[in-house]
């Protein structure tokens, strides 16, 4: 059917459907994060901003993680007088590292000679 043969009601219905399709395409682009049409806004650059609700949710989760980290770190990494403890290697770990280093030095000495 040709466009000129359509009635005013049919044209109105087609325009409404076209608008709904455009709205759904924009919604799909927002969900997928990629443009299906490939056009940028008039500024020429796509720009994403975070909603206030998203910012609030992010800040709440960050505060929770800071509290958890602070509670865990304070319980494990302090001495009786409240000073922070510096991590040191255990004697078994030192012996293991020394053995590995002696093996490495020996191998280097043999390949250099």
N, C-alpha and C. Protein backbone atom coordinates (compact mmCIF):
# COMPACT_ATOMS: atom_id res chain seq x y z
N UNK A 1 0.84 -1.18 0.00
CA UNK A 1 0.00 0.00 0.00
C UNK A 1 0.89 1.25 0.00
N UNK A 2 0.55 2.20 -0.80
CA UNK A 2 1.34 3.43 -0.91
C UNK A 2 0.98 4.39 0.20
N UNK A 3 1.91 5.27 0.52
CA UNK A 3 1.73 6.23 1.60
C UNK A 3 0.60 7.21 1.32
N UNK A 4 0.41 7.57 0.08
CA UNK A 4 -0.64 8.53 -0.29
C UNK A 4 -2.04 7.95 -0.18
N UNK A 5 -2.15 6.64 -0.19
CA UNK A 5 -3.46 6.00 -0.13
C UNK A 5 -3.93 5.75 1.30
N UNK A 6 -3.07 6.04 2.32
CA UNK A 6 -3.44 5.80 3.72
C UNK A 6 -4.38 6.88 4.22
N UNK A 7 -5.24 6.51 5.15
CA UNK A 7 -6.16 7.48 5.74
C UNK A 7 -5.46 8.21 6.86
N UNK A 8 -6.07 9.28 7.36
CA UNK A 8 -5.49 10.06 8.45
C UNK A 8 -5.37 9.20 9.71
N UNK A 9 -6.34 8.36 9.98
CA UNK A 9 -6.29 7.47 11.14
C UNK A 9 -5.14 6.48 11.06
N UNK A 10 -4.93 5.93 9.87
CA UNK A 10 -3.83 4.99 9.68
C UNK A 10 -2.48 5.68 9.84
N UNK A 11 -2.38 6.91 9.32
CA UNK A 11 -1.13 7.66 9.47
C UNK A 11 -0.85 7.99 10.93
N UNK A 12 -1.89 8.37 11.67
CA UNK A 12 -1.75 8.66 13.10
C UNK A 12 -1.28 7.41 13.84
N UNK A 13 -1.90 6.27 13.53
CA UNK A 13 -1.53 5.01 14.18
C UNK A 13 -0.07 4.65 13.87
N UNK A 14 0.34 4.87 12.62
CA UNK A 14 1.72 4.58 12.22
C UNK A 14 2.70 5.49 12.96
N UNK A 15 2.33 6.77 13.13
CA UNK A 15 3.20 7.70 13.84
C UNK A 15 3.35 7.30 15.30
N UNK A 16 2.26 6.88 15.93
CA UNK A 16 2.31 6.45 17.33
C UNK A 16 3.20 5.22 17.47
N UNK A 17 3.04 4.27 16.54
CA UNK A 17 3.88 3.07 16.57
C UNK A 17 5.35 3.41 16.39
N UNK A 18 5.64 4.34 15.47
CA UNK A 18 7.02 4.77 15.23
C UNK A 18 7.61 5.38 16.49
N UNK A 19 6.84 6.22 17.20
CA UNK A 19 7.33 6.83 18.44
C UNK A 19 7.60 5.77 19.50
N UNK A 20 6.71 4.78 19.60
CA UNK A 20 6.92 3.71 20.58
C UNK A 20 8.18 2.91 20.26
N UNK A 21 8.40 2.66 18.96
CA UNK A 21 9.60 1.93 18.55
C UNK A 21 10.86 2.73 18.91
N UNK A 22 10.83 4.04 18.66
CA UNK A 22 11.98 4.89 18.99
C UNK A 22 12.23 4.90 20.49
N UNK A 23 11.15 5.00 21.31
CA UNK A 23 11.30 4.98 22.76
C UNK A 23 11.92 3.66 23.23
N UNK A 24 11.43 2.55 22.66
CA UNK A 24 11.97 1.24 23.05
C UNK A 24 13.43 1.09 22.63
N UNK A 25 13.79 1.64 21.47
CA UNK A 25 15.19 1.60 21.04
C UNK A 25 16.08 2.38 21.99
N UNK A 26 15.62 3.55 22.43
CA UNK A 26 16.40 4.34 23.40
C UNK A 26 16.54 3.59 24.71
N UNK A 27 15.47 2.94 25.17
CA UNK A 27 15.51 2.17 26.41
C UNK A 27 16.48 1.00 26.28
N UNK A 28 16.46 0.34 25.13
CA UNK A 28 17.38 -0.77 24.89
C UNK A 28 18.82 -0.30 24.88
N UNK A 29 19.08 0.84 24.26
CA UNK A 29 20.43 1.40 24.26
C UNK A 29 20.90 1.72 25.66
N UNK A 30 19.99 2.25 26.48
CA UNK A 30 20.36 2.59 27.86
C UNK A 30 20.70 1.33 28.65
N UNK A 31 19.97 0.25 28.42
CA UNK A 31 20.22 -1.00 29.14
C UNK A 31 21.52 -1.65 28.67
N UNK A 32 21.70 -1.74 27.37
CA UNK A 32 22.88 -2.41 26.82
C UNK A 32 24.11 -1.54 26.85
N UNK A 33 23.95 -0.24 26.92
CA UNK A 33 25.08 0.66 26.97
C UNK A 33 25.75 0.86 25.63
N UNK A 34 25.11 0.45 24.55
CA UNK A 34 25.70 0.67 23.23
C UNK A 34 24.61 1.18 22.31
N UNK A 35 25.00 2.07 21.44
CA UNK A 35 24.03 2.64 20.52
C UNK A 35 23.79 1.72 19.34
N UNK A 36 22.53 1.42 19.06
CA UNK A 36 22.23 0.60 17.89
C UNK A 36 22.19 1.47 16.65
N UNK A 37 21.90 2.77 16.83
CA UNK A 37 21.84 3.66 15.68
C UNK A 37 23.20 4.22 15.35
N UNK A 38 24.09 4.33 16.33
CA UNK A 38 25.44 4.82 16.09
C UNK A 38 25.53 6.33 16.00
N UNK A 39 24.51 7.04 16.44
CA UNK A 39 24.55 8.49 16.40
C UNK A 39 24.83 9.06 17.77
N UNK A 40 25.56 10.14 17.81
CA UNK A 40 25.89 10.81 19.06
C UNK A 40 24.98 12.03 19.22
N UNK A 41 24.82 12.54 20.45
CA UNK A 41 24.05 13.75 20.64
C UNK A 41 24.68 14.93 19.91
N UNK A 42 24.02 16.06 19.95
CA UNK A 42 24.47 17.22 19.19
C UNK A 42 25.87 17.67 19.59
N UNK A 43 26.29 17.37 20.82
CA UNK A 43 27.63 17.74 21.27
C UNK A 43 28.71 16.90 20.60
N UNK A 44 28.34 15.77 20.01
CA UNK A 44 29.31 14.93 19.33
C UNK A 44 29.98 13.92 20.24
N UNK A 45 29.67 13.94 21.55
CA UNK A 45 30.32 13.05 22.48
C UNK A 45 29.25 12.44 23.39
N UNK A 46 29.26 11.12 23.52
CA UNK A 46 28.34 10.47 24.43
C UNK A 46 28.84 10.67 25.85
N UNK A 47 27.93 10.97 26.77
CA UNK A 47 28.33 11.25 28.14
C UNK A 47 27.42 10.50 29.09
N UNK A 48 28.01 9.82 30.06
CA UNK A 48 27.24 9.08 31.04
C UNK A 48 27.41 9.73 32.39
N UNK A 49 26.31 9.93 33.08
CA UNK A 49 26.37 10.46 34.44
C UNK A 49 25.63 9.50 35.35
N UNK A 50 26.05 9.48 36.60
CA UNK A 50 25.44 8.59 37.55
C UNK A 50 24.24 9.26 38.20
N UNK A 51 23.20 8.48 38.45
CA UNK A 51 22.01 9.03 39.08
C UNK A 51 22.28 9.27 40.56
N UNK A 52 21.54 10.17 41.20
CA UNK A 52 21.71 10.39 42.63
C UNK A 52 21.49 9.13 43.45
N UNK A 53 20.53 8.30 43.04
CA UNK A 53 20.29 7.05 43.77
C UNK A 53 21.50 6.12 43.65
N UNK A 54 22.10 6.08 42.47
CA UNK A 54 23.29 5.24 42.28
C UNK A 54 24.47 5.73 43.10
N UNK A 55 24.64 7.07 43.17
CA UNK A 55 25.72 7.63 43.98
C UNK A 55 25.52 7.28 45.45
N UNK A 56 24.27 7.40 45.92
CA UNK A 56 23.99 7.09 47.33
C UNK A 56 24.26 5.62 47.62
N UNK A 57 23.84 4.73 46.71
CA UNK A 57 24.06 3.30 46.90
C UNK A 57 25.55 2.98 46.93
N UNK A 58 26.32 3.60 46.05
CA UNK A 58 27.76 3.38 46.02
C UNK A 58 28.43 3.88 47.29
N UNK A 59 28.04 5.06 47.76
CA UNK A 59 28.67 5.59 48.97
C UNK A 59 28.33 4.74 50.19
N UNK A 60 27.08 4.21 50.24
CA UNK A 60 26.73 3.34 51.36
C UNK A 60 27.57 2.08 51.36
N UNK A 61 27.75 1.47 50.20
CA UNK A 61 28.53 0.24 50.14
C UNK A 61 30.00 0.51 50.47
N UNK A 62 30.53 1.66 50.05
CA UNK A 62 31.92 1.99 50.38
C UNK A 62 32.09 2.19 51.88
N UNK A 63 31.15 2.88 52.51
CA UNK A 63 31.24 3.06 53.97
C UNK A 63 31.21 1.73 54.69
N UNK A 64 30.35 0.81 54.23
CA UNK A 64 30.30 -0.51 54.84
C UNK A 64 31.63 -1.23 54.71
N UNK A 65 32.25 -1.16 53.52
CA UNK A 65 33.52 -1.86 53.33
C UNK A 65 34.62 -1.22 54.17
N UNK A 66 34.59 0.10 54.34
CA UNK A 66 35.59 0.76 55.18
C UNK A 66 35.44 0.31 56.63
N UNK A 67 34.19 0.19 57.08
CA UNK A 67 33.95 -0.27 58.47
C UNK A 67 34.47 -1.68 58.66
N UNK A 68 34.16 -2.56 57.69
CA UNK A 68 34.63 -3.95 57.81
C UNK A 68 36.15 -4.01 57.81
N UNK A 69 36.77 -3.26 56.91
CA UNK A 69 38.23 -3.27 56.82
C UNK A 69 38.84 -2.71 58.09
N UNK A 70 38.26 -1.64 58.61
CA UNK A 70 38.78 -1.02 59.83
C UNK A 70 38.66 -1.94 61.02
N UNK A 71 37.53 -2.63 61.14
CA UNK A 71 37.33 -3.54 62.27
C UNK A 71 38.29 -4.72 62.19
N UNK A 72 38.47 -5.27 61.01
CA UNK A 72 39.35 -6.41 60.85
C UNK A 72 40.80 -5.99 61.07
N UNK A 73 41.20 -4.87 60.48
CA UNK A 73 42.58 -4.43 60.58
C UNK A 73 42.97 -4.06 62.00
N UNK A 74 42.08 -3.40 62.73
CA UNK A 74 42.40 -2.99 64.10
C UNK A 74 42.53 -4.18 65.03
N UNK A 75 41.73 -5.21 64.83
CA UNK A 75 41.76 -6.37 65.71
C UNK A 75 43.04 -7.18 65.51
N UNK A 76 43.53 -7.26 64.29
CA UNK A 76 44.66 -8.14 64.00
C UNK A 76 46.00 -7.42 64.01
N UNK A 77 46.03 -6.15 63.69
CA UNK A 77 47.29 -5.49 63.42
C UNK A 77 47.70 -4.48 64.50
N UNK A 78 47.33 -4.72 65.75
CA UNK A 78 47.76 -3.82 66.82
C UNK A 78 48.37 -4.62 67.96
N UNK A 79 49.26 -3.97 68.69
CA UNK A 79 49.86 -4.61 69.86
C UNK A 79 49.07 -4.21 71.10
N UNK A 80 49.53 -4.66 72.25
CA UNK A 80 48.81 -4.36 73.49
C UNK A 80 48.79 -2.87 73.80
N UNK A 81 49.83 -2.13 73.38
CA UNK A 81 49.85 -0.69 73.65
C UNK A 81 49.16 0.12 72.54
N UNK A 82 48.57 -0.56 71.54
CA UNK A 82 47.83 0.13 70.48
C UNK A 82 48.65 0.48 69.27
N UNK A 83 49.96 0.19 69.28
CA UNK A 83 50.81 0.50 68.13
C UNK A 83 50.54 -0.52 67.02
N UNK A 84 50.67 -0.07 65.80
CA UNK A 84 50.45 -0.97 64.66
C UNK A 84 51.62 -1.94 64.54
N UNK A 85 51.32 -3.18 64.17
CA UNK A 85 52.33 -4.21 64.04
C UNK A 85 52.78 -4.26 62.58
N UNK A 86 54.10 -4.27 62.39
CA UNK A 86 54.64 -4.41 61.04
C UNK A 86 54.77 -5.89 60.75
N UNK A 87 54.38 -6.29 59.54
CA UNK A 87 54.43 -7.70 59.17
C UNK A 87 55.88 -8.15 59.06
N UNK A 88 56.18 -9.30 59.67
CA UNK A 88 57.51 -9.89 59.57
C UNK A 88 57.38 -11.34 59.13
N UNK A 89 58.44 -11.86 58.57
CA UNK A 89 58.42 -13.22 58.06
C UNK A 89 58.72 -14.20 59.19
N UNK A 90 58.10 -15.36 59.13
CA UNK A 90 58.33 -16.39 60.13
C UNK A 90 59.70 -17.03 59.90
N UNK A 91 60.28 -17.65 60.94
CA UNK A 91 61.57 -18.33 60.76
C UNK A 91 61.52 -19.42 59.68
N UNK A 92 60.41 -20.14 59.60
CA UNK A 92 60.28 -21.17 58.57
C UNK A 92 60.26 -20.54 57.19
N UNK A 93 59.59 -19.41 57.06
CA UNK A 93 59.55 -18.71 55.78
C UNK A 93 60.93 -18.18 55.39
N UNK A 94 61.67 -17.66 56.38
CA UNK A 94 63.02 -17.17 56.10
C UNK A 94 63.92 -18.31 55.63
N UNK A 95 63.82 -19.48 56.28
CA UNK A 95 64.64 -20.62 55.89
C UNK A 95 64.30 -21.08 54.47
N UNK A 96 63.01 -21.09 54.16
CA UNK A 96 62.59 -21.50 52.82
C UNK A 96 63.12 -20.54 51.76
N UNK A 97 63.03 -19.24 52.02
CA UNK A 97 63.53 -18.24 51.08
C UNK A 97 65.05 -18.35 50.92
N UNK A 98 65.77 -18.60 52.04
CA UNK A 98 67.23 -18.73 51.97
C UNK A 98 67.61 -19.93 51.12
N UNK A 99 66.87 -21.03 51.28
CA UNK A 99 67.15 -22.22 50.49
C UNK A 99 66.93 -21.95 49.00
N UNK A 100 65.84 -21.27 48.67
CA UNK A 100 65.55 -20.93 47.27
C UNK A 100 66.61 -20.00 46.70
N UNK A 101 67.06 -19.04 47.49
CA UNK A 101 68.07 -18.10 47.01
C UNK A 101 69.41 -18.81 46.78
N UNK A 102 69.80 -19.71 47.70
CA UNK A 102 71.04 -20.46 47.50
C UNK A 102 70.97 -21.28 46.21
N UNK A 103 69.80 -21.87 45.94
CA UNK A 103 69.61 -22.65 44.73
C UNK A 103 69.73 -21.75 43.49
N UNK A 104 69.13 -20.56 43.56
CA UNK A 104 69.19 -19.61 42.44
C UNK A 104 70.62 -19.15 42.20
N UNK A 105 71.33 -18.79 43.28
CA UNK A 105 72.72 -18.32 43.14
C UNK A 105 73.60 -19.41 42.55
N UNK A 106 73.38 -20.65 42.99
CA UNK A 106 74.17 -21.77 42.50
C UNK A 106 73.94 -21.95 41.00
N UNK A 107 72.68 -21.88 40.57
CA UNK A 107 72.34 -22.03 39.16
C UNK A 107 72.97 -20.90 38.34
N UNK A 108 72.94 -19.67 38.85
CA UNK A 108 73.53 -18.54 38.13
C UNK A 108 75.04 -18.71 38.02
N UNK A 109 75.67 -19.19 39.09
CA UNK A 109 77.10 -19.37 39.07
C UNK A 109 77.51 -20.41 38.04
N UNK A 110 76.71 -21.49 37.93
CA UNK A 110 77.02 -22.55 36.98
C UNK A 110 76.83 -22.08 35.54
N UNK A 111 75.79 -21.26 35.28
CA UNK A 111 75.55 -20.79 33.91
C UNK A 111 76.54 -19.70 33.51
N UNK A 112 77.05 -18.94 34.47
CA UNK A 112 77.99 -17.86 34.17
C UNK A 112 79.38 -18.42 33.86
N UNK A 113 79.70 -19.54 34.42
CA UNK A 113 81.06 -20.10 34.26
C UNK A 113 81.28 -20.75 32.92
